[in-house]
N, C-alpha and C. Protein backbone atom coordinates (compact mmCIF):
# COMPACT_ATOMS: atom_id res chain seq x y z
N MET A 1 -10.98 40.64 71.83
CA MET A 1 -11.28 40.73 73.25
C MET A 1 -10.39 41.77 73.93
N ALA A 2 -9.09 41.73 73.68
CA ALA A 2 -8.17 42.69 74.30
C ALA A 2 -8.49 44.11 73.85
N ALA A 3 -8.86 44.27 72.59
CA ALA A 3 -9.19 45.61 72.09
C ALA A 3 -10.44 46.14 72.78
N ASN A 4 -11.42 45.28 72.99
CA ASN A 4 -12.64 45.70 73.70
C ASN A 4 -12.34 46.10 75.14
N ARG A 5 -11.51 45.30 75.79
CA ARG A 5 -11.12 45.59 77.18
C ARG A 5 -10.39 46.93 77.25
N ALA A 6 -9.47 47.16 76.32
CA ALA A 6 -8.73 48.42 76.30
C ALA A 6 -9.66 49.60 76.06
N ARG A 7 -10.64 49.43 75.17
CA ARG A 7 -11.59 50.51 74.89
C ARG A 7 -12.43 50.83 76.13
N VAL A 8 -12.85 49.80 76.86
CA VAL A 8 -13.62 50.03 78.09
C VAL A 8 -12.81 50.85 79.08
N TRP A 9 -11.52 50.51 79.24
CA TRP A 9 -10.68 51.25 80.18
C TRP A 9 -10.46 52.69 79.72
N VAL A 10 -10.29 52.90 78.43
CA VAL A 10 -10.11 54.27 77.92
C VAL A 10 -11.36 55.10 78.21
N GLU A 11 -12.52 54.53 77.94
CA GLU A 11 -13.77 55.24 78.20
C GLU A 11 -13.98 55.49 79.69
N ALA A 12 -13.69 54.49 80.51
CA ALA A 12 -13.84 54.66 81.96
C ALA A 12 -12.86 55.71 82.48
N ASP A 13 -11.62 55.66 82.00
CA ASP A 13 -10.62 56.66 82.42
C ASP A 13 -11.06 58.07 82.02
N THR A 14 -11.65 58.21 80.85
CA THR A 14 -12.13 59.51 80.39
C THR A 14 -13.25 60.02 81.28
N LEU A 15 -14.21 59.14 81.56
CA LEU A 15 -15.35 59.55 82.40
C LEU A 15 -14.93 59.86 83.83
N ILE A 16 -14.16 58.96 84.45
CA ILE A 16 -13.75 59.20 85.83
C ILE A 16 -12.80 60.39 85.89
N GLY A 17 -11.99 60.56 84.84
CA GLY A 17 -11.08 61.71 84.80
C GLY A 17 -11.83 63.03 84.87
N ALA A 18 -12.93 63.14 84.15
CA ALA A 18 -13.72 64.37 84.16
C ALA A 18 -14.30 64.63 85.55
N VAL A 19 -14.80 63.58 86.18
CA VAL A 19 -15.37 63.72 87.53
C VAL A 19 -14.28 64.12 88.52
N LEU A 20 -13.12 63.46 88.44
CA LEU A 20 -12.03 63.77 89.37
C LEU A 20 -11.45 65.15 89.12
N ASP A 21 -11.38 65.59 87.86
CA ASP A 21 -10.91 66.95 87.56
C ASP A 21 -11.79 67.98 88.26
N ARG A 22 -13.10 67.78 88.18
CA ARG A 22 -14.02 68.73 88.82
C ARG A 22 -13.86 68.70 90.34
N ALA A 23 -13.71 67.51 90.90
CA ALA A 23 -13.53 67.40 92.36
C ALA A 23 -12.21 68.05 92.79
N GLU A 24 -11.15 67.87 92.02
CA GLU A 24 -9.87 68.52 92.34
C GLU A 24 -10.02 70.04 92.27
N ALA A 25 -10.70 70.53 91.23
CA ALA A 25 -10.88 71.98 91.06
C ALA A 25 -11.67 72.59 92.23
N ARG A 26 -12.60 71.81 92.79
CA ARG A 26 -13.38 72.29 93.94
C ARG A 26 -12.64 72.12 95.25
N GLY A 27 -11.47 71.49 95.22
CA GLY A 27 -10.70 71.26 96.44
C GLY A 27 -11.19 70.06 97.24
N GLU A 28 -12.02 69.22 96.64
CA GLU A 28 -12.56 68.06 97.34
C GLU A 28 -11.61 66.87 97.32
N LEU A 29 -10.68 66.87 96.39
CA LEU A 29 -9.68 65.80 96.28
C LEU A 29 -8.31 66.41 96.12
N PRO A 30 -7.30 65.72 96.62
CA PRO A 30 -5.94 66.22 96.39
C PRO A 30 -5.56 66.08 94.92
N VAL A 31 -4.73 66.97 94.45
CA VAL A 31 -4.27 66.94 93.06
C VAL A 31 -3.25 65.81 92.90
N GLY A 32 -3.32 65.11 91.78
CA GLY A 32 -2.31 64.12 91.45
C GLY A 32 -2.61 62.71 91.89
N ILE A 33 -3.87 62.42 92.23
CA ILE A 33 -4.20 61.06 92.65
C ILE A 33 -4.11 60.11 91.47
N ASP A 34 -3.97 58.84 91.76
CA ASP A 34 -3.90 57.79 90.74
C ASP A 34 -5.33 57.51 90.29
N ARG A 35 -5.67 57.95 89.11
CA ARG A 35 -7.04 57.85 88.63
C ARG A 35 -7.47 56.41 88.38
N ARG A 36 -6.59 55.61 87.84
CA ARG A 36 -6.93 54.21 87.57
C ARG A 36 -7.19 53.47 88.87
N LEU A 37 -6.33 53.69 89.85
CA LEU A 37 -6.52 53.05 91.16
C LEU A 37 -7.83 53.52 91.80
N THR A 38 -8.15 54.78 91.64
CA THR A 38 -9.41 55.31 92.18
C THR A 38 -10.59 54.60 91.54
N LEU A 39 -10.58 54.48 90.23
CA LEU A 39 -11.67 53.81 89.54
C LEU A 39 -11.77 52.35 89.98
N GLU A 40 -10.65 51.66 90.05
CA GLU A 40 -10.66 50.25 90.45
C GLU A 40 -11.17 50.09 91.88
N THR A 41 -10.82 51.03 92.75
CA THR A 41 -11.25 50.97 94.14
C THR A 41 -12.75 51.22 94.27
N LEU A 42 -13.27 52.09 93.44
CA LEU A 42 -14.71 52.35 93.47
C LEU A 42 -15.52 51.19 92.92
N ILE A 43 -15.05 50.57 91.84
CA ILE A 43 -15.86 49.52 91.23
C ILE A 43 -15.64 48.14 91.84
N GLY A 44 -14.55 47.97 92.57
CA GLY A 44 -14.28 46.67 93.19
C GLY A 44 -15.41 46.16 94.06
N PRO A 45 -15.92 46.96 95.00
CA PRO A 45 -17.02 46.48 95.84
C PRO A 45 -18.28 46.13 95.03
N LEU A 46 -18.50 46.85 93.94
CA LEU A 46 -19.66 46.55 93.10
C LEU A 46 -19.50 45.19 92.43
N GLN A 47 -18.28 44.90 91.99
CA GLN A 47 -18.03 43.60 91.37
C GLN A 47 -18.17 42.47 92.38
N VAL A 48 -17.67 42.67 93.59
CA VAL A 48 -17.81 41.64 94.62
C VAL A 48 -19.28 41.39 94.90
N TRP A 49 -20.04 42.46 95.03
CA TRP A 49 -21.47 42.30 95.29
C TRP A 49 -22.14 41.55 94.14
N LEU A 50 -21.87 41.98 92.93
CA LEU A 50 -22.51 41.39 91.76
C LEU A 50 -22.16 39.91 91.61
N LEU A 51 -20.88 39.58 91.80
CA LEU A 51 -20.43 38.22 91.53
C LEU A 51 -20.56 37.27 92.72
N LEU A 52 -20.48 37.81 93.94
CA LEU A 52 -20.40 36.91 95.09
C LEU A 52 -21.53 37.02 96.09
N SER A 53 -21.82 38.21 96.56
CA SER A 53 -22.69 38.30 97.74
C SER A 53 -24.18 38.34 97.44
N ARG A 54 -24.58 39.18 96.51
CA ARG A 54 -26.00 39.36 96.20
C ARG A 54 -26.82 39.84 97.39
N GLU A 55 -26.16 40.41 98.39
CA GLU A 55 -26.88 40.98 99.53
C GLU A 55 -27.47 42.32 99.11
N PRO A 56 -28.40 42.85 99.91
CA PRO A 56 -28.98 44.15 99.57
C PRO A 56 -27.90 45.21 99.39
N PHE A 57 -28.11 46.05 98.42
CA PHE A 57 -27.14 47.08 98.06
C PHE A 57 -27.89 48.39 98.04
N ASP A 58 -27.80 49.16 99.12
CA ASP A 58 -28.60 50.36 99.24
C ASP A 58 -27.74 51.62 99.23
N ASP A 59 -28.39 52.77 99.35
CA ASP A 59 -27.67 54.04 99.31
C ASP A 59 -26.65 54.16 100.42
N ALA A 60 -26.96 53.63 101.59
CA ALA A 60 -26.00 53.71 102.71
C ALA A 60 -24.70 52.99 102.36
N TYR A 61 -24.81 51.85 101.68
CA TYR A 61 -23.61 51.12 101.28
C TYR A 61 -22.81 51.90 100.24
N HIS A 62 -23.50 52.50 99.29
CA HIS A 62 -22.82 53.34 98.30
C HIS A 62 -22.04 54.46 98.99
N GLU A 63 -22.68 55.09 99.95
CA GLU A 63 -22.04 56.20 100.67
C GLU A 63 -20.83 55.70 101.46
N GLN A 64 -20.91 54.52 102.05
CA GLN A 64 -19.76 53.97 102.77
C GLN A 64 -18.59 53.73 101.82
N ILE A 65 -18.87 53.21 100.65
CA ILE A 65 -17.81 52.98 99.66
C ILE A 65 -17.13 54.29 99.31
N VAL A 66 -17.91 55.31 99.02
CA VAL A 66 -17.35 56.62 98.67
C VAL A 66 -16.54 57.19 99.83
N ASP A 67 -17.05 57.09 101.05
CA ASP A 67 -16.33 57.61 102.22
C ASP A 67 -14.98 56.92 102.39
N VAL A 68 -14.97 55.60 102.22
CA VAL A 68 -13.71 54.85 102.36
C VAL A 68 -12.72 55.27 101.28
N VAL A 69 -13.20 55.39 100.04
CA VAL A 69 -12.31 55.77 98.94
C VAL A 69 -11.79 57.19 99.14
N LEU A 70 -12.66 58.12 99.50
CA LEU A 70 -12.21 59.50 99.70
C LEU A 70 -11.21 59.60 100.84
N GLY A 71 -11.45 58.88 101.93
CA GLY A 71 -10.50 58.88 103.04
C GLY A 71 -9.16 58.32 102.63
N GLY A 72 -9.19 57.25 101.85
CA GLY A 72 -7.95 56.65 101.37
C GLY A 72 -7.21 57.56 100.40
N LEU A 73 -7.94 58.25 99.53
CA LEU A 73 -7.31 59.17 98.59
C LEU A 73 -6.61 60.31 99.32
N ALA A 74 -7.27 60.82 100.34
CA ALA A 74 -6.66 61.91 101.11
C ALA A 74 -5.38 61.44 101.80
N ALA A 75 -5.41 60.22 102.35
CA ALA A 75 -4.24 59.69 103.05
C ALA A 75 -3.10 59.34 102.10
N ALA A 76 -3.44 58.90 100.89
CA ALA A 76 -2.43 58.44 99.94
C ALA A 76 -2.02 59.50 98.94
N ALA A 77 -2.53 60.72 99.10
CA ALA A 77 -2.23 61.78 98.13
C ALA A 77 -0.73 62.02 98.05
N PRO A 78 -0.23 62.21 96.83
CA PRO A 78 1.20 62.51 96.68
C PRO A 78 1.53 63.82 97.37
N ARG A 79 2.70 63.88 97.93
CA ARG A 79 3.15 65.10 98.60
C ARG A 79 3.50 66.17 97.57
N ALA A 80 3.22 67.41 97.89
CA ALA A 80 3.44 68.51 96.95
C ALA A 80 4.88 68.57 96.47
N ALA A 81 5.83 68.26 97.34
CA ALA A 81 7.24 68.35 96.96
C ALA A 81 7.63 67.30 95.94
N SER A 82 6.94 66.16 95.93
CA SER A 82 7.33 65.09 95.03
C SER A 82 6.59 65.13 93.70
N GLY A 83 5.60 66.00 93.56
CA GLY A 83 4.85 66.09 92.32
C GLY A 83 3.78 65.02 92.23
N PRO A 84 3.03 65.02 91.12
CA PRO A 84 1.95 64.05 90.98
C PRO A 84 2.46 62.63 90.85
N ALA A 85 1.63 61.72 91.28
CA ALA A 85 1.99 60.30 91.19
C ALA A 85 2.06 59.86 89.75
N ALA A 86 3.00 59.02 89.44
CA ALA A 86 3.09 58.46 88.10
C ALA A 86 1.99 57.43 87.91
N PRO A 87 1.41 57.40 86.72
CA PRO A 87 0.36 56.40 86.49
C PRO A 87 0.92 55.00 86.53
N ARG A 88 0.11 54.08 87.02
CA ARG A 88 0.52 52.68 87.04
C ARG A 88 0.52 52.14 85.63
N ARG A 89 1.40 51.24 85.39
CA ARG A 89 1.48 50.59 84.08
C ARG A 89 0.94 49.18 84.16
N ARG A 90 0.15 48.81 83.21
CA ARG A 90 -0.39 47.46 83.14
C ARG A 90 0.49 46.64 82.21
N SER A 91 0.69 45.37 82.55
CA SER A 91 1.46 44.51 81.66
C SER A 91 0.55 43.68 80.81
């Protein structure tokens, strides 16, 4: 079970990493964001919807999620003088 969970995170980190690399290269995201936190923040609302609410889930809601995450990433971006953020460690 733990090995499967670890494999899912490695694959998700690889996929989201590629998307975030392209967004950083285009100047759409600040460099050095916490990729794991970004992924968790994007999928959290989907999990809540799937497990709890079951309310309609339309394109407007998807766009709101992305807008909130992008706004938060811009506000939480590491400062250039301090370098990129260190990745979070899971216990």
